[in-house]
């Protein structure tokens, strides 16, 4: 890389390319939602209710994910607890 390479203007991606990339992210996110079981959002709400019996938390402080591997499924639960 020479000094002249640093002075050249970097081209911004076109708005069409940015829109295409964003659309691909949205489509991938929606496809992932379709593979999740229907009970997962209800399970997340029940987990939040149980945690709230002991600690005050917001809905966005709990995330539940289901990962399917070849021969097993893994339920991942992440809870952000407030500092005491």
N, C-alpha and C. Protein backbone atom coordinates (compact mmCIF):
# COMPACT_ATOMS: atom_id res chain seq x y z
N UNK A 1 0.85 -1.16 0.00
CA UNK A 1 0.00 0.00 0.00
C UNK A 1 0.90 1.23 0.00
N UNK A 2 0.70 2.08 -0.99
CA UNK A 2 1.51 3.28 -1.08
C UNK A 2 0.79 4.47 -0.48
N UNK A 3 1.50 5.57 -0.46
CA UNK A 3 0.93 6.78 0.12
C UNK A 3 -0.22 7.30 -0.73
N UNK A 4 -0.16 7.04 -2.03
CA UNK A 4 -1.23 7.52 -2.91
C UNK A 4 -2.53 6.73 -2.68
N UNK A 5 -2.39 5.49 -2.25
CA UNK A 5 -3.59 4.70 -1.95
C UNK A 5 -4.36 5.29 -0.78
N UNK A 6 -3.65 5.88 0.16
CA UNK A 6 -4.30 6.48 1.32
C UNK A 6 -5.05 7.76 0.95
N UNK A 7 -4.58 8.44 -0.09
CA UNK A 7 -5.18 9.70 -0.47
C UNK A 7 -6.40 9.53 -1.38
N UNK A 8 -6.55 8.38 -1.97
CA UNK A 8 -7.69 8.13 -2.84
C UNK A 8 -8.98 8.10 -2.03
N UNK A 9 -10.05 8.60 -2.64
CA UNK A 9 -11.34 8.57 -1.96
C UNK A 9 -11.86 7.14 -1.95
N UNK A 10 -12.39 6.76 -0.82
CA UNK A 10 -13.02 5.44 -0.72
C UNK A 10 -14.45 5.59 -1.21
N UNK A 11 -14.87 4.66 -2.06
CA UNK A 11 -16.23 4.72 -2.59
C UNK A 11 -17.21 4.16 -1.57
N UNK A 12 -18.31 4.88 -1.41
CA UNK A 12 -19.36 4.40 -0.55
C UNK A 12 -20.18 3.37 -1.32
N UNK A 13 -20.66 2.34 -0.62
CA UNK A 13 -21.51 1.37 -1.31
C UNK A 13 -22.81 2.04 -1.75
N UNK A 14 -23.33 1.59 -2.87
CA UNK A 14 -24.57 2.18 -3.39
C UNK A 14 -25.72 1.87 -2.44
N UNK A 15 -26.75 2.69 -2.52
CA UNK A 15 -27.90 2.48 -1.64
C UNK A 15 -28.59 1.16 -1.96
N UNK A 16 -28.52 0.74 -3.22
CA UNK A 16 -29.11 -0.55 -3.59
C UNK A 16 -28.36 -1.69 -2.92
N UNK A 17 -27.05 -1.60 -2.86
CA UNK A 17 -26.26 -2.65 -2.23
C UNK A 17 -26.53 -2.71 -0.73
N UNK A 18 -26.67 -1.55 -0.11
CA UNK A 18 -26.96 -1.50 1.32
C UNK A 18 -28.35 -2.07 1.60
N UNK A 19 -29.32 -1.70 0.76
CA UNK A 19 -30.68 -2.22 0.93
C UNK A 19 -30.71 -3.74 0.73
N UNK A 20 -29.97 -4.23 -0.23
CA UNK A 20 -29.91 -5.68 -0.49
C UNK A 20 -29.32 -6.41 0.72
N UNK A 21 -28.26 -5.86 1.28
CA UNK A 21 -27.63 -6.49 2.44
C UNK A 21 -28.57 -6.51 3.64
N UNK A 22 -29.27 -5.42 3.85
CA UNK A 22 -30.22 -5.35 4.97
C UNK A 22 -31.36 -6.34 4.77
N UNK A 23 -31.85 -6.46 3.54
CA UNK A 23 -32.93 -7.39 3.25
C UNK A 23 -32.48 -8.83 3.48
N UNK A 24 -31.24 -9.15 3.12
CA UNK A 24 -30.72 -10.50 3.34
C UNK A 24 -30.67 -10.81 4.83
N UNK A 25 -30.30 -9.84 5.66
CA UNK A 25 -30.26 -10.04 7.10
C UNK A 25 -31.66 -10.28 7.64
N UNK A 26 -32.62 -9.50 7.18
CA UNK A 26 -34.00 -9.66 7.64
C UNK A 26 -34.55 -11.02 7.24
N UNK A 27 -34.31 -11.43 6.00
CA UNK A 27 -34.80 -12.73 5.53
C UNK A 27 -34.18 -13.87 6.33
N UNK A 28 -32.89 -13.79 6.60
CA UNK A 28 -32.23 -14.82 7.39
C UNK A 28 -32.80 -14.88 8.80
N UNK A 29 -33.09 -13.73 9.38
CA UNK A 29 -33.67 -13.67 10.72
C UNK A 29 -35.07 -14.28 10.74
N UNK A 30 -35.87 -13.98 9.74
CA UNK A 30 -37.23 -14.53 9.66
C UNK A 30 -37.20 -16.04 9.43
N UNK A 31 -36.28 -16.53 8.64
CA UNK A 31 -36.16 -17.98 8.42
C UNK A 31 -35.83 -18.69 9.71
N UNK A 32 -34.97 -18.09 10.51
CA UNK A 32 -34.60 -18.70 11.78
C UNK A 32 -35.81 -18.79 12.70
N UNK A 33 -36.65 -17.76 12.69
CA UNK A 33 -37.85 -17.76 13.52
C UNK A 33 -38.78 -18.90 13.15
N UNK A 34 -38.85 -19.23 11.86
CA UNK A 34 -39.76 -20.28 11.41
C UNK A 34 -39.35 -21.65 11.90
N UNK A 35 -38.07 -21.84 12.17
CA UNK A 35 -37.61 -23.15 12.62
C UNK A 35 -37.73 -23.33 14.13
N UNK A 36 -38.01 -22.24 14.84
CA UNK A 36 -38.18 -22.32 16.29
C UNK A 36 -39.54 -22.92 16.62
N UNK A 37 -39.63 -23.67 17.70
CA UNK A 37 -40.93 -24.21 18.09
C UNK A 37 -41.88 -23.11 18.57
N UNK A 38 -43.17 -23.38 18.47
CA UNK A 38 -44.18 -22.38 18.83
C UNK A 38 -44.19 -22.06 20.32
N UNK A 39 -43.76 -23.00 21.15
CA UNK A 39 -43.83 -22.80 22.59
C UNK A 39 -42.70 -21.94 23.15
N UNK A 40 -41.70 -21.63 22.37
CA UNK A 40 -40.53 -20.92 22.88
C UNK A 40 -40.88 -19.52 23.44
N UNK A 41 -41.67 -18.67 22.77
CA UNK A 41 -42.00 -17.37 23.38
C UNK A 41 -42.79 -17.51 24.69
N UNK A 42 -43.69 -18.47 24.75
CA UNK A 42 -44.47 -18.68 25.97
C UNK A 42 -43.55 -19.17 27.10
N UNK A 43 -42.61 -20.04 26.76
CA UNK A 43 -41.66 -20.53 27.76
C UNK A 43 -40.82 -19.37 28.29
N UNK A 44 -40.40 -18.47 27.40
CA UNK A 44 -39.60 -17.33 27.82
C UNK A 44 -40.39 -16.46 28.80
N UNK A 45 -41.66 -16.22 28.54
CA UNK A 45 -42.48 -15.40 29.44
C UNK A 45 -42.63 -16.08 30.80
N UNK A 46 -42.81 -17.39 30.81
CA UNK A 46 -42.93 -18.10 32.08
C UNK A 46 -41.63 -18.05 32.87
N UNK A 47 -40.50 -18.16 32.19
CA UNK A 47 -39.19 -18.08 32.86
C UNK A 47 -39.02 -16.68 33.46
N UNK A 48 -39.42 -15.66 32.73
CA UNK A 48 -39.33 -14.29 33.24
C UNK A 48 -40.19 -14.13 34.49
N UNK A 49 -41.38 -14.70 34.49
CA UNK A 49 -42.26 -14.60 35.66
C UNK A 49 -41.64 -15.28 36.88
N UNK A 50 -41.01 -16.42 36.69
CA UNK A 50 -40.38 -17.12 37.81
C UNK A 50 -39.20 -16.31 38.35
N UNK A 51 -38.38 -15.76 37.46
CA UNK A 51 -37.23 -14.96 37.90
C UNK A 51 -37.70 -13.73 38.65
N UNK A 52 -38.81 -13.13 38.20
CA UNK A 52 -39.33 -11.92 38.85
C UNK A 52 -39.83 -12.17 40.26
N UNK A 53 -40.05 -13.40 40.63
CA UNK A 53 -40.42 -13.70 42.01
C UNK A 53 -39.28 -13.36 42.96
N UNK A 54 -38.05 -13.38 42.44
CA UNK A 54 -36.87 -13.19 43.27
C UNK A 54 -36.09 -11.92 42.95
N UNK A 55 -36.12 -11.48 41.68
CA UNK A 55 -35.31 -10.34 41.24
C UNK A 55 -36.14 -9.50 40.27
N UNK A 56 -35.98 -8.18 40.32
CA UNK A 56 -36.65 -7.30 39.37
C UNK A 56 -35.83 -7.22 38.09
N UNK A 57 -36.44 -7.67 36.98
CA UNK A 57 -35.76 -7.63 35.68
C UNK A 57 -36.75 -7.17 34.62
N UNK A 58 -36.22 -6.69 33.51
CA UNK A 58 -37.04 -6.31 32.35
C UNK A 58 -37.12 -7.49 31.39
N UNK A 59 -38.10 -7.45 30.50
CA UNK A 59 -38.29 -8.53 29.53
C UNK A 59 -37.06 -8.73 28.64
N UNK A 60 -36.40 -7.63 28.29
CA UNK A 60 -35.26 -7.74 27.37
C UNK A 60 -33.98 -8.25 28.05
N UNK A 61 -34.04 -8.50 29.35
CA UNK A 61 -32.87 -9.02 30.06
C UNK A 61 -32.82 -10.54 30.06
N UNK A 62 -33.79 -11.17 29.41
CA UNK A 62 -33.82 -12.63 29.31
C UNK A 62 -33.92 -13.01 27.84
N UNK A 63 -33.03 -13.89 27.41
CA UNK A 63 -33.14 -14.40 26.04
C UNK A 63 -33.08 -15.92 26.09
N UNK A 64 -33.92 -16.52 25.26
CA UNK A 64 -34.00 -17.97 25.18
C UNK A 64 -33.75 -18.36 23.73
N UNK A 65 -32.84 -19.30 23.52
CA UNK A 65 -32.53 -19.77 22.17
C UNK A 65 -32.53 -21.28 22.15
N UNK A 66 -32.97 -21.83 21.04
CA UNK A 66 -32.94 -23.27 20.86
C UNK A 66 -32.04 -23.57 19.69
N UNK A 67 -30.95 -24.29 19.93
CA UNK A 67 -30.01 -24.67 18.89
C UNK A 67 -30.15 -26.15 18.62
N UNK A 68 -30.34 -26.49 17.35
CA UNK A 68 -30.47 -27.88 16.96
C UNK A 68 -29.17 -28.35 16.32
N UNK A 69 -28.57 -29.37 16.92
CA UNK A 69 -27.38 -30.00 16.36
C UNK A 69 -27.83 -31.28 15.66
N UNK A 70 -26.88 -32.08 15.26
CA UNK A 70 -27.21 -33.30 14.53
C UNK A 70 -28.12 -34.22 15.32
N UNK A 71 -27.74 -34.52 16.54
CA UNK A 71 -28.49 -35.52 17.29
C UNK A 71 -29.09 -35.00 18.60
N UNK A 72 -29.00 -33.69 18.84
CA UNK A 72 -29.59 -33.16 20.08
C UNK A 72 -29.98 -31.70 19.90
N UNK A 73 -30.83 -31.24 20.79
CA UNK A 73 -31.24 -29.84 20.83
C UNK A 73 -30.73 -29.24 22.13
N UNK A 74 -30.27 -28.00 22.06
CA UNK A 74 -29.73 -27.32 23.23
C UNK A 74 -30.56 -26.06 23.47
N UNK A 75 -31.12 -25.96 24.67
CA UNK A 75 -31.87 -24.77 25.06
C UNK A 75 -30.91 -23.86 25.83
N UNK A 76 -30.70 -22.67 25.30
CA UNK A 76 -29.77 -21.72 25.91
C UNK A 76 -30.57 -20.59 26.54
N UNK A 77 -30.31 -20.32 27.79
CA UNK A 77 -31.00 -19.28 28.54
C UNK A 77 -29.98 -18.28 29.06
N UNK A 78 -30.13 -17.02 28.68
CA UNK A 78 -29.25 -15.96 29.15
C UNK A 78 -30.06 -14.95 29.94
N UNK A 79 -29.68 -14.71 31.18
CA UNK A 79 -30.37 -13.77 32.05
C UNK A 79 -29.35 -12.74 32.53
N UNK A 80 -29.66 -11.47 32.32
CA UNK A 80 -28.81 -10.39 32.81
C UNK A 80 -29.41 -9.93 34.13
N UNK A 81 -28.73 -10.24 35.20
CA UNK A 81 -29.21 -9.88 36.54
C UNK A 81 -28.69 -8.51 36.94
N UNK A 82 -29.48 -7.74 37.68
CA UNK A 82 -29.00 -6.43 38.11
C UNK A 82 -27.91 -6.58 39.17
N UNK A 83 -27.02 -5.60 39.21
CA UNK A 83 -25.96 -5.62 40.22
C UNK A 83 -26.57 -5.24 41.56
N UNK A 84 -26.06 -5.86 42.62
CA UNK A 84 -26.60 -5.58 43.94
C UNK A 84 -25.57 -4.95 44.83
